Protein backbone atom coordinates (compact mmCIF):
# COMPACT_ATOMS: atom_id res chain seq x y z
CA MET A 1 -16.17 -9.45 6.22
CA MET A 2 -16.74 -5.77 5.10
CA VAL A 3 -14.04 -3.40 4.23
CA ASN A 4 -15.05 0.24 3.19
CA LYS A 5 -13.89 2.24 0.31
CA LEU A 6 -11.71 -0.20 -1.56
CA VAL A 7 -10.81 -0.34 -4.96
CA GLU A 8 -8.94 -3.82 -4.77
CA VAL A 9 -7.51 -6.42 -2.73
CA LEU A 10 -4.54 -8.68 -3.50
CA TYR A 11 -3.72 -11.97 -1.32
CA ARG A 12 -1.66 -15.02 -0.74
CA TRP A 13 -1.83 -18.04 1.66
CA GLY A 14 0.37 -17.94 4.73
CA ARG A 15 1.57 -20.56 7.06
CA GLN A 16 -0.62 -22.95 8.87
CA LEU A 17 -0.59 -22.29 12.50
CA GLU A 18 -2.21 -25.29 14.25
CA GLU A 19 -4.70 -28.17 13.68
CA SER A 20 -7.83 -29.08 15.59
CA THR A 21 -10.53 -31.80 14.86
CA TYR A 22 -12.40 -30.12 12.43
CA LYS A 23 -10.58 -27.10 11.02
CA TYR A 24 -6.95 -25.41 11.10
CA PRO A 25 -6.39 -21.84 11.38
CA GLN A 26 -4.14 -20.48 8.66
CA HIS A 27 -2.77 -16.86 7.95
CA PHE A 28 -3.10 -15.20 4.62
CA TYR A 29 -1.98 -11.91 3.36
CA LEU A 30 -4.16 -9.01 1.96
CA GLY A 31 -3.42 -5.87 0.12
CA GLU A 32 -5.80 -3.29 -0.02
CA GLN A 33 -5.81 -0.45 -2.58
CA SER A 34 -8.14 2.26 -1.23
CA ASP A 35 -9.53 5.04 -3.07
CA GLY A 36 -7.31 7.62 -0.60
CA SER A 37 -10.02 8.06 2.38
CA VAL A 38 -8.04 5.54 4.08
CA PRO A 39 -4.55 4.44 3.62
CA ASN A 40 -3.16 1.57 1.72
CA THR A 41 -2.55 -1.32 3.82
CA LEU A 42 -1.02 -4.76 3.84
CA LEU A 43 -3.08 -7.04 6.02
CA ILE A 44 -2.22 -10.31 7.91
CA ALA A 45 -5.63 -12.36 8.54
CA LYS A 46 -6.23 -15.67 10.11
CA CYS A 47 -8.66 -17.78 8.30
CA ASP A 48 -10.35 -20.90 10.15
CA VAL A 49 -10.08 -23.38 6.82
CA VAL A 50 -12.79 -26.12 7.59
CA LYS A 51 -11.62 -29.78 6.97
CA ARG A 52 -12.87 -32.03 4.33
CA ARG A 53 -16.21 -33.12 4.63
CA VAL A 54 -16.97 -31.08 7.63
CA ALA A 55 -19.98 -28.78 7.50
CA ALA A 56 -21.83 -26.94 10.27
CA ALA A 57 -25.67 -27.07 9.26
CA GLU A 58 -26.35 -23.88 11.03
CA HIS A 59 -23.69 -21.76 9.18
CA ILE A 60 -24.83 -22.99 5.61
CA ALA A 61 -28.53 -22.47 6.43
CA LYS A 62 -27.75 -18.83 7.39
CA PHE A 63 -25.12 -18.06 4.85
CA ASP A 64 -25.18 -14.46 3.39
CA GLU A 65 -22.68 -13.54 1.15
CA ASN A 66 -22.92 -9.96 1.89
CA ALA A 67 -22.13 -10.51 5.47
CA ARG A 68 -19.00 -10.37 7.42
CA SER A 69 -17.35 -14.02 7.56
CA PRO A 70 -16.92 -15.49 11.14
CA PHE A 71 -14.16 -17.46 9.71
CA VAL A 72 -11.48 -14.47 8.73
CA LYS A 73 -10.24 -12.20 11.24
CA ILE A 74 -7.50 -9.46 10.88
CA TRP A 75 -4.42 -10.32 13.00
CA LYS A 76 -2.11 -7.20 11.93
CA THR A 77 -2.41 -4.23 9.94
CA ILE A 78 0.80 -2.55 8.08
CA ILE A 79 0.14 0.92 6.53
CA HIS A 80 1.62 0.50 3.22
CA PRO A 81 3.48 3.33 1.10
CA GLY A 82 1.59 3.10 -1.76
CA GLU A 83 -1.13 0.45 -3.66
CA VAL A 84 -0.15 -2.85 -2.84
CA ASN A 85 0.08 -4.50 -6.49
CA ARG A 86 1.65 -7.94 -5.59
CA ILE A 87 2.50 -9.84 -2.58
CA ARG A 88 5.01 -12.74 -2.45
CA GLU A 89 6.08 -14.60 0.61
CA LEU A 90 9.67 -16.14 1.07
CA PRO A 91 9.38 -20.10 1.13
CA GLU A 92 11.78 -20.69 3.69
CA ASN A 93 10.84 -17.96 5.82
CA ASN A 94 6.92 -17.20 5.47
CA LYS A 95 7.32 -14.35 8.02
CA ILE A 96 9.28 -12.57 5.27
CA VAL A 97 7.01 -10.99 2.51
CA ALA A 98 7.65 -8.71 -0.51
CA THR A 99 5.32 -6.19 -1.77
CA HIS A 100 5.13 -4.18 -5.16
CA THR A 101 3.69 -0.59 -5.32
CA ASP A 102 3.88 2.08 -8.01
CA SER A 103 7.47 2.84 -7.74
CA PRO A 104 10.79 1.41 -9.11
CA ASN A 105 11.24 -0.45 -5.63
CA VAL A 106 10.60 -3.59 -4.11
CA LEU A 107 9.63 -3.68 -0.62
CA ILE A 108 10.22 -6.32 2.08
CA TRP A 109 8.72 -6.64 5.16
CA ASN A 110 9.10 -9.06 8.50
CA VAL A 111 5.30 -9.36 9.39
CA GLU A 112 6.17 -10.85 12.36
CA THR A 113 8.20 -7.80 13.97
CA GLN A 114 6.27 -4.78 12.12
CA TYR A 115 4.16 -2.83 14.54
CA ARG A 116 0.34 -3.06 14.47
CA ARG A 117 -0.85 0.35 12.88
CA GLU A 118 -4.64 1.75 12.81
CA PRO A 119 -5.47 2.66 9.25
CA VAL A 120 -6.77 6.16 9.69
CA LYS A 121 -6.60 8.95 7.11
CA GLY A 122 -3.24 10.92 7.29
CA ALA A 123 -1.48 8.26 8.88
CA LYS A 124 2.08 7.92 8.31
CA ALA A 125 3.35 4.86 6.26
CA SER A 126 4.79 1.82 8.03
CA ARG A 127 8.58 1.52 7.19
CA PRO A 128 9.41 -1.62 5.25
CA ASP A 129 12.53 -3.64 6.73
CA LEU A 130 14.32 -3.65 3.38
CA VAL A 131 14.23 -1.59 0.03
CA LEU A 132 15.44 -3.19 -2.90
CA ILE A 133 16.58 -0.61 -5.73
CA GLY A 134 17.58 -1.31 -9.30
CA HIS A 135 14.73 -0.52 -11.77
CA GLN A 136 14.64 2.59 -13.67
CA ASP A 137 10.95 2.83 -13.65
CA ASN A 138 8.10 1.64 -12.18
CA ALA A 139 7.87 -2.16 -11.29
CA ASP A 140 4.06 -2.64 -10.56
CA PHE A 141 3.52 -6.36 -10.91
CA ALA A 142 5.88 -8.83 -11.93
CA LEU A 143 7.33 -10.17 -8.68
CA ALA A 144 8.78 -13.83 -7.56
CA MET A 145 10.85 -15.32 -4.57
CA SER A 146 12.95 -18.33 -5.19
CA GLN A 147 12.03 -21.65 -3.51
CA THR A 148 15.86 -22.59 -2.84
CA GLU A 149 17.68 -19.22 -1.86
CA HIS A 150 16.73 -16.03 -0.53
CA PHE A 151 16.55 -14.36 -4.21
CA VAL A 152 13.90 -12.05 -5.26
CA LEU A 153 13.00 -11.44 -8.78
CA SER A 154 11.03 -8.19 -10.53
CA GLY A 155 10.07 -7.00 -13.84
CA GLY A 156 8.90 -3.45 -14.71
CA LYS A 157 8.23 -0.67 -17.20
CA ASP A 158 11.80 -0.19 -17.78
CA LYS A 159 11.71 -3.63 -19.59
CA LEU A 160 14.33 -4.76 -17.18
CA VAL A 161 14.43 -8.20 -15.19
CA VAL A 162 16.20 -7.58 -11.82
CA LEU A 163 17.67 -10.18 -9.43
CA TRP A 164 18.45 -9.33 -5.86
CA SER A 165 19.85 -11.68 -2.98
CA ILE A 166 18.59 -10.85 0.47
CA HIS A 167 20.60 -13.98 2.15
CA ASP A 168 22.77 -11.66 4.49
CA HIS A 169 19.71 -9.60 5.64
CA ILE A 170 17.41 -12.46 6.65
CA SER A 171 19.23 -13.10 9.94
CA SER A 172 18.62 -9.33 11.00
CA LEU A 173 15.24 -9.20 9.75
CA ALA A 174 14.35 -12.22 12.15
CA LEU A 175 16.35 -11.51 15.08
CA ASN A 176 16.74 -7.79 15.38
CA CYS A 177 13.06 -6.97 15.64
CA GLY A 178 12.73 -3.42 15.03
CA ALA A 179 16.27 -2.72 14.80
CA MET A 180 16.41 -2.60 11.10
CA ARG A 181 13.70 -0.08 10.72
CA SER A 182 15.45 2.45 13.04
CA THR A 183 18.52 2.86 10.84
CA ASP A 184 18.92 3.91 7.12
CA ASN A 185 20.88 0.74 6.21
CA ARG A 186 17.97 -0.64 4.55
CA THR A 187 18.55 -0.70 0.68
CA VAL A 188 20.09 -3.43 -1.42
CA ARG A 189 21.33 -3.21 -4.64
CA ALA A 190 20.95 -5.57 -7.45
CA ARG A 191 22.74 -8.40 -8.03
CA GLY A 192 21.95 -8.65 -11.81
CA ILE A 193 20.05 -6.61 -14.34
CA PHE A 194 19.00 -8.33 -17.31
CA GLN A 195 17.87 -6.83 -20.44
CA GLY A 196 16.01 -8.59 -23.47
CA HIS A 197 12.33 -7.37 -23.59
CA ARG A 198 10.94 -4.49 -25.81
CA GLU A 199 8.14 -3.61 -23.79
CA THR A 200 6.74 -4.05 -20.27
CA VAL A 201 7.54 -7.00 -18.12
CA GLU A 202 4.38 -8.42 -16.88
CA ASP A 203 5.51 -11.69 -14.94
CA VAL A 204 8.71 -13.28 -13.65
CA GLN A 205 9.15 -16.78 -12.24
CA PHE A 206 12.15 -18.97 -10.70
CA CYS A 207 13.03 -22.29 -11.95
CA PRO A 208 11.90 -24.41 -9.06
CA SER A 209 15.26 -26.26 -8.65
CA SER A 210 17.53 -23.07 -8.90
CA ALA A 211 17.58 -19.53 -7.79
CA GLN A 212 20.01 -18.88 -10.87
CA GLU A 213 17.41 -19.69 -13.50
CA PHE A 214 14.23 -17.77 -14.11
CA CYS A 215 11.84 -16.89 -17.03
CA SER A 216 9.95 -13.93 -17.78
CA VAL A 217 7.09 -12.50 -20.08
CA GLY A 218 5.85 -9.30 -21.40
CA ASP A 219 3.54 -7.05 -23.68
CA ASP A 220 6.08 -7.90 -26.51
CA CYS A 221 4.79 -11.48 -26.75
CA CYS A 222 8.04 -12.77 -25.64
CA LEU A 223 8.77 -15.79 -23.49
CA ILE A 224 12.52 -15.45 -22.20
CA LEU A 225 14.65 -17.81 -20.07
CA TRP A 226 17.56 -16.40 -18.04
CA ASP A 227 20.48 -18.18 -16.44
CA ALA A 228 22.42 -15.48 -14.15
CA ARG A 229 25.62 -17.70 -14.08
CA THR A 230 26.11 -16.89 -17.96
CA GLY A 231 25.40 -13.19 -17.94
CA SER A 232 22.69 -10.77 -18.52
CA ALA A 233 21.91 -11.61 -21.90
CA PRO A 234 18.90 -14.13 -22.71
CA VAL A 235 19.59 -17.76 -22.78
CA VAL A 236 16.29 -18.55 -24.92
CA LYS A 237 14.02 -16.13 -26.39
CA VAL A 238 10.81 -16.97 -27.89
CA GLU A 239 9.77 -14.22 -29.93
CA LYS A 240 6.09 -14.75 -30.34
CA ALA A 241 4.94 -17.22 -27.60
CA HIS A 242 1.33 -15.83 -27.97
CA GLU A 243 -0.26 -13.88 -30.57
CA ALA A 244 -0.88 -11.14 -27.95
CA ASP A 245 0.36 -9.45 -24.89
CA LEU A 246 1.41 -12.20 -22.22
CA HIS A 247 -0.02 -11.51 -18.57
CA CYS A 248 1.38 -14.56 -16.67
CA VAL A 249 3.96 -17.28 -16.49
CA ASP A 250 4.51 -20.15 -14.03
CA TRP A 251 7.13 -23.02 -13.58
CA ASN A 252 6.16 -26.41 -12.77
CA ALA A 253 7.50 -27.25 -9.41
CA ASN A 254 6.97 -31.12 -10.20
CA ASP A 255 8.68 -31.00 -13.47
CA ALA A 256 11.18 -28.20 -14.38
CA ASN A 257 10.97 -28.74 -17.58
CA LEU A 258 7.35 -27.35 -18.16
CA ILE A 259 6.36 -23.77 -18.28
CA LEU A 260 2.94 -22.30 -18.38
CA THR A 261 2.14 -19.00 -20.16
CA GLY A 262 -1.44 -17.24 -20.27
CA SER A 263 -2.21 -14.27 -22.55
CA ALA A 264 -4.60 -11.68 -24.16
CA ASP A 265 -5.23 -13.77 -26.72
CA ASN A 266 -7.69 -16.08 -24.56
CA SER A 267 -5.23 -19.18 -24.78
CA ILE A 268 -2.82 -20.88 -22.39
CA CYS A 269 0.49 -22.56 -23.74
CA ILE A 270 2.71 -25.26 -21.94
CA TYR A 271 6.15 -24.90 -23.12
CA ASP A 272 8.92 -27.46 -22.75
CA ARG A 273 12.33 -25.70 -22.42
CA ARG A 274 14.38 -28.77 -23.83
CA LYS A 275 12.30 -27.99 -26.99
CA LEU A 276 12.76 -24.22 -27.06
CA SER A 277 15.27 -22.38 -29.48
CA SER A 278 15.96 -18.66 -29.75
CA GLY A 279 13.65 -17.03 -32.33
CA GLY A 280 10.89 -19.94 -32.00
CA VAL A 281 7.76 -18.78 -32.76
CA ARG A 282 4.89 -20.12 -30.79
CA SER A 283 6.13 -23.87 -30.31
CA PRO A 284 4.33 -24.86 -27.43
CA VAL A 285 3.76 -28.72 -26.83
CA GLN A 286 0.27 -27.79 -25.91
CA ILE A 287 -2.45 -24.93 -26.39
CA PHE A 288 -5.57 -24.81 -23.89
CA GLN A 289 -8.34 -22.69 -25.26
CA GLY A 290 -11.44 -22.52 -23.07
CA HIS A 291 -11.73 -18.99 -21.84
CA SER A 292 -13.71 -16.30 -24.00
CA ASP A 293 -11.55 -13.35 -22.78
CA ALA A 294 -8.21 -12.56 -21.72
CA VAL A 295 -6.42 -15.17 -19.43
CA LEU A 296 -5.32 -13.21 -16.33
CA CYS A 297 -3.92 -15.87 -13.91
CA VAL A 298 -2.97 -19.27 -13.54
CA GLN A 299 -2.62 -21.71 -10.69
CA VAL A 300 -3.11 -25.34 -9.80
CA PRO A 301 -6.29 -25.84 -7.57
CA ASP A 302 -8.54 -28.18 -6.43
CA MET A 303 -12.16 -28.89 -7.53
CA LEU A 304 -15.77 -28.26 -6.69
CA CYS A 305 -16.75 -25.99 -3.95
CA THR A 306 -18.11 -27.64 -0.70
CA ARG A 307 -18.08 -24.56 1.11
CA VAL A 308 -17.51 -20.78 0.18
CA PHE A 309 -16.75 -17.91 2.40
CA LYS A 310 -16.88 -14.65 0.92
CA TRP A 311 -15.03 -11.36 1.90
CA ARG A 312 -17.10 -8.67 0.27
CA VAL A 313 -15.21 -5.37 -0.59
CA LEU A 314 -17.35 -2.30 -0.55
CA MET A 315 -16.73 0.39 -3.12
CA CYS A 316 -17.99 3.87 -2.70
CA ALA A 317 -18.78 5.33 -6.21
CA LEU A 318 -15.58 4.05 -7.48
CA THR A 319 -14.67 2.55 -10.95
CA ILE A 320 -12.23 -0.34 -10.89
CA ASN A 321 -10.08 -0.29 -13.98
CA LEU A 322 -8.45 -3.90 -13.88
CA THR A 323 -7.00 -3.81 -17.79
CA ALA A 324 -3.99 -2.54 -16.21
CA LEU A 325 -3.53 -5.31 -13.62
CA TYR A 326 -1.01 -8.11 -13.67
CA PHE A 327 -2.92 -11.65 -13.37
CA PRO A 328 -0.90 -14.58 -12.15
CA PHE A 329 -1.54 -18.23 -12.72
CA GLN A 330 -0.02 -21.60 -11.16
CA TRP A 331 0.56 -25.01 -11.40
CA CYS A 332 -1.21 -27.22 -9.07
CA PRO A 333 1.25 -28.32 -6.01
CA SER A 334 0.32 -31.70 -5.71
CA LYS A 335 -0.13 -33.21 -9.32
CA THR A 336 2.30 -32.54 -12.18
CA SER A 337 -0.32 -32.21 -14.99
CA VAL A 338 -2.93 -29.97 -13.34
CA PHE A 339 -3.14 -26.29 -13.43
CA ALA A 340 -5.71 -23.43 -13.10
CA SER A 341 -6.42 -20.47 -14.89
CA GLY A 342 -8.51 -17.44 -14.20
CA ALA A 343 -9.70 -14.95 -16.92
CA GLU A 344 -11.88 -11.64 -17.74
CA ASP A 345 -14.78 -13.95 -18.61
CA GLY A 346 -15.47 -14.69 -14.97
CA ASN A 347 -14.27 -18.27 -14.93
CA LEU A 348 -11.59 -20.22 -13.03
CA ASN A 349 -10.89 -23.07 -15.14
CA ILE A 350 -8.97 -26.27 -13.69
CA TRP A 351 -7.14 -28.06 -16.51
CA ASP A 352 -5.31 -31.52 -16.64
CA TYR A 353 -2.93 -31.79 -19.72
CA GLU A 354 -2.94 -35.61 -19.31
CA LYS A 355 -6.70 -35.75 -20.39
CA VAL A 356 -6.22 -34.23 -23.62
CA GLY A 357 -6.92 -36.60 -26.25
CA ASN A 358 -8.94 -38.77 -23.96
CA ALA A 359 -12.83 -37.82 -24.71
CA GLY A 360 -14.33 -40.48 -22.34
CA THR A 361 -17.44 -39.27 -21.33
CA ARG A 362 -16.52 -35.39 -21.84
CA PRO A 363 -19.33 -33.19 -23.44
CA SER A 364 -18.65 -32.45 -27.03
CA ASN A 365 -18.62 -28.71 -26.29
CA CYS A 366 -16.13 -29.23 -23.43
CA PRO A 367 -12.61 -27.97 -24.30
CA PRO A 368 -9.85 -30.79 -24.35
CA GLY A 369 -8.10 -30.96 -21.25
CA LEU A 370 -10.66 -28.90 -19.11
CA PHE A 371 -11.26 -31.06 -15.87
CA PHE A 372 -13.38 -28.30 -13.72
CA GLN A 373 -14.86 -25.02 -14.01
CA HIS A 374 -15.44 -22.66 -10.82
CA ALA A 375 -18.20 -20.20 -12.04
CA GLY A 376 -18.96 -18.69 -8.64
CA HIS A 377 -17.45 -15.24 -9.57
CA ARG A 378 -19.70 -12.34 -11.16
CA GLY A 379 -16.83 -10.66 -12.47
CA ARG A 380 -13.46 -11.06 -13.93
CA VAL A 381 -11.00 -13.21 -11.89
CA VAL A 382 -8.07 -11.38 -11.18
CA GLU A 383 -6.14 -13.29 -8.70
CA PHE A 384 -6.13 -17.02 -6.99
CA HIS A 385 -3.83 -18.98 -5.23
CA TRP A 386 -3.60 -22.62 -4.32
CA ASN A 387 -3.21 -23.68 -0.60
CA ALA A 388 -0.19 -25.56 -0.35
CA SER A 389 -0.98 -27.06 3.09
CA ASP A 390 -4.24 -28.31 1.35
CA PRO A 391 -3.65 -28.54 -2.37
CA TRP A 392 -7.47 -28.82 -3.69
CA THR A 393 -8.18 -25.80 -1.42
CA MET A 394 -8.04 -22.23 -2.88
CA MET A 395 -8.66 -18.51 -2.83
CA SER A 396 -9.91 -16.69 -5.64
CA LEU A 397 -10.72 -13.01 -6.16
CA SER A 398 -12.88 -11.36 -8.69
CA GLY A 399 -13.69 -7.64 -9.46
CA GLU A 400 -17.62 -7.62 -9.45
CA LYS A 401 -19.75 -6.04 -12.34
CA THR A 402 -22.13 -4.99 -9.81
CA GLY A 403 -20.07 -2.00 -8.72
CA ARG A 404 -19.92 -3.20 -5.30
CA GLY A 405 -16.12 -3.90 -5.20
CA GLY A 406 -14.49 -7.52 -5.09
CA THR A 407 -15.41 -10.94 -3.95
CA LEU A 408 -12.62 -13.25 -2.06
CA GLN A 409 -13.62 -17.05 -1.94
CA ILE A 410 -12.02 -19.75 -0.25
CA TRP A 411 -13.31 -23.12 -1.62
CA ARG A 412 -12.58 -26.56 -2.19
CA VAL A 413 -13.04 -29.24 -4.87
CA MET A 414 -15.01 -32.36 -3.75
CA ASP A 415 -12.51 -35.22 -3.57
CA MET A 416 -14.83 -37.51 -5.52
CA LEU A 417 -13.68 -35.68 -8.76
CA TYR A 418 -10.09 -36.71 -8.44
CA ARG A 419 -10.07 -39.50 -6.21
CA PRO A 420 -9.23 -42.90 -8.36
CA GLU A 421 -12.75 -44.01 -9.99
CA GLU A 422 -12.48 -47.51 -8.37
CA ASP A 423 -12.60 -45.83 -4.77
CA VAL A 424 -15.26 -43.45 -5.54
CA LEU A 425 -17.63 -46.00 -6.89
CA ALA A 426 -16.89 -48.13 -3.67
CA GLU A 427 -17.71 -45.42 -1.39
CA LEU A 428 -21.07 -44.48 -3.46
CA ASN A 429 -22.10 -48.21 -3.33
CA GLU A 430 -21.83 -48.09 0.54
CA LEU A 431 -24.15 -44.81 0.60
CA LYS A 432 -26.58 -46.43 -1.43
CA SER A 433 -28.73 -47.59 1.47
CA HIS A 434 -28.39 -44.16 3.20
CA VAL A 435 -29.44 -42.37 0.12
CA ARG A 436 -32.63 -44.76 -0.42
CA ILE A 437 -33.61 -43.95 3.45
CA CYS A 438 -33.18 -40.08 2.85
CA SER A 439 -35.18 -39.96 -0.26
CA SER A 440 -38.16 -42.16 1.15
């Protein structure tokens, strides 16, 4: 798929639509940042995700990374008022998404009821269903939505963490279709404003079991834990969680005690909130060092690419400056000990902290805990997202060094890498005769 004159694309997996014998269609969200020749847009796309161990020989033989992917189609285009810096979906209602742009406000969209637009130069921006106000300066990247309640969390250049409840507005967004957009009653004031950072807040994340508990990281090297029930002051503040700016944070959905942080010091840390104390200096339970440049994003994905679809973004005489962008990471949705990280070195690493200290057959130059490395990108990995419907399938995005823009890849880890060893050996033994026939 080709899109002209784009500086950057951001994305998130959406809901699975249906299921067929060999594939399943699934929505995902794309945010385009343009050079001004066309409007910035929020796209809802449909992707046909091929099931495991399904491959069409004709497609593999004719694969061209510069061609438009036949597996990705745009379903709806929304003209976004400003650059799309971050996209987050509401877990309980995935038709509701939040976006960050270069302003103090968070924008809420009902992608089902928004009108389809044509992204032509001079087109008027679509009107968001809700506008969340409370920041005093631009809030570009730090954004999260709670798993348990209709709460939204944001951080910004004003050094603040801001919390909103949109619970009372969700029914209106879902039932009134375009009615909300025809009124001026769209602004939602903050439920809480939290002060504790000394520099820009780069990322925020809710505790998976509570909308009242959350954490934040920033350019002041601090990791802060908050509890809205106890007031606006930090509950715990780790003053020097890393040796440089923190870019990203994620909270383990399967073990609410574990928090993951990534930094410009090239490292990833796991913190146990039961062992944190205010003023603590770099007291992680584990440090992972396998990237040669700043860690930009973390997530928990599958391994080994059995199929790759690329969405090529064409740039026209533009220079991408990604150093100012926020880069997230995540824990794996299906296994407590697994997470992934993307960095400026162009690698997307998958880690398993249970493997730390277990050398086994690991090469001597392999960092402890490194489970798999996806090296299919030519430039820095600026974002990626695990697929909750198919946990070992993911999207990853890079800014290319070639000057042609960014590449979006959809890939999957081969199941022989994470299944029980005895099952894999049994399957390989069954395939021996077939391998002999093919090689003869």
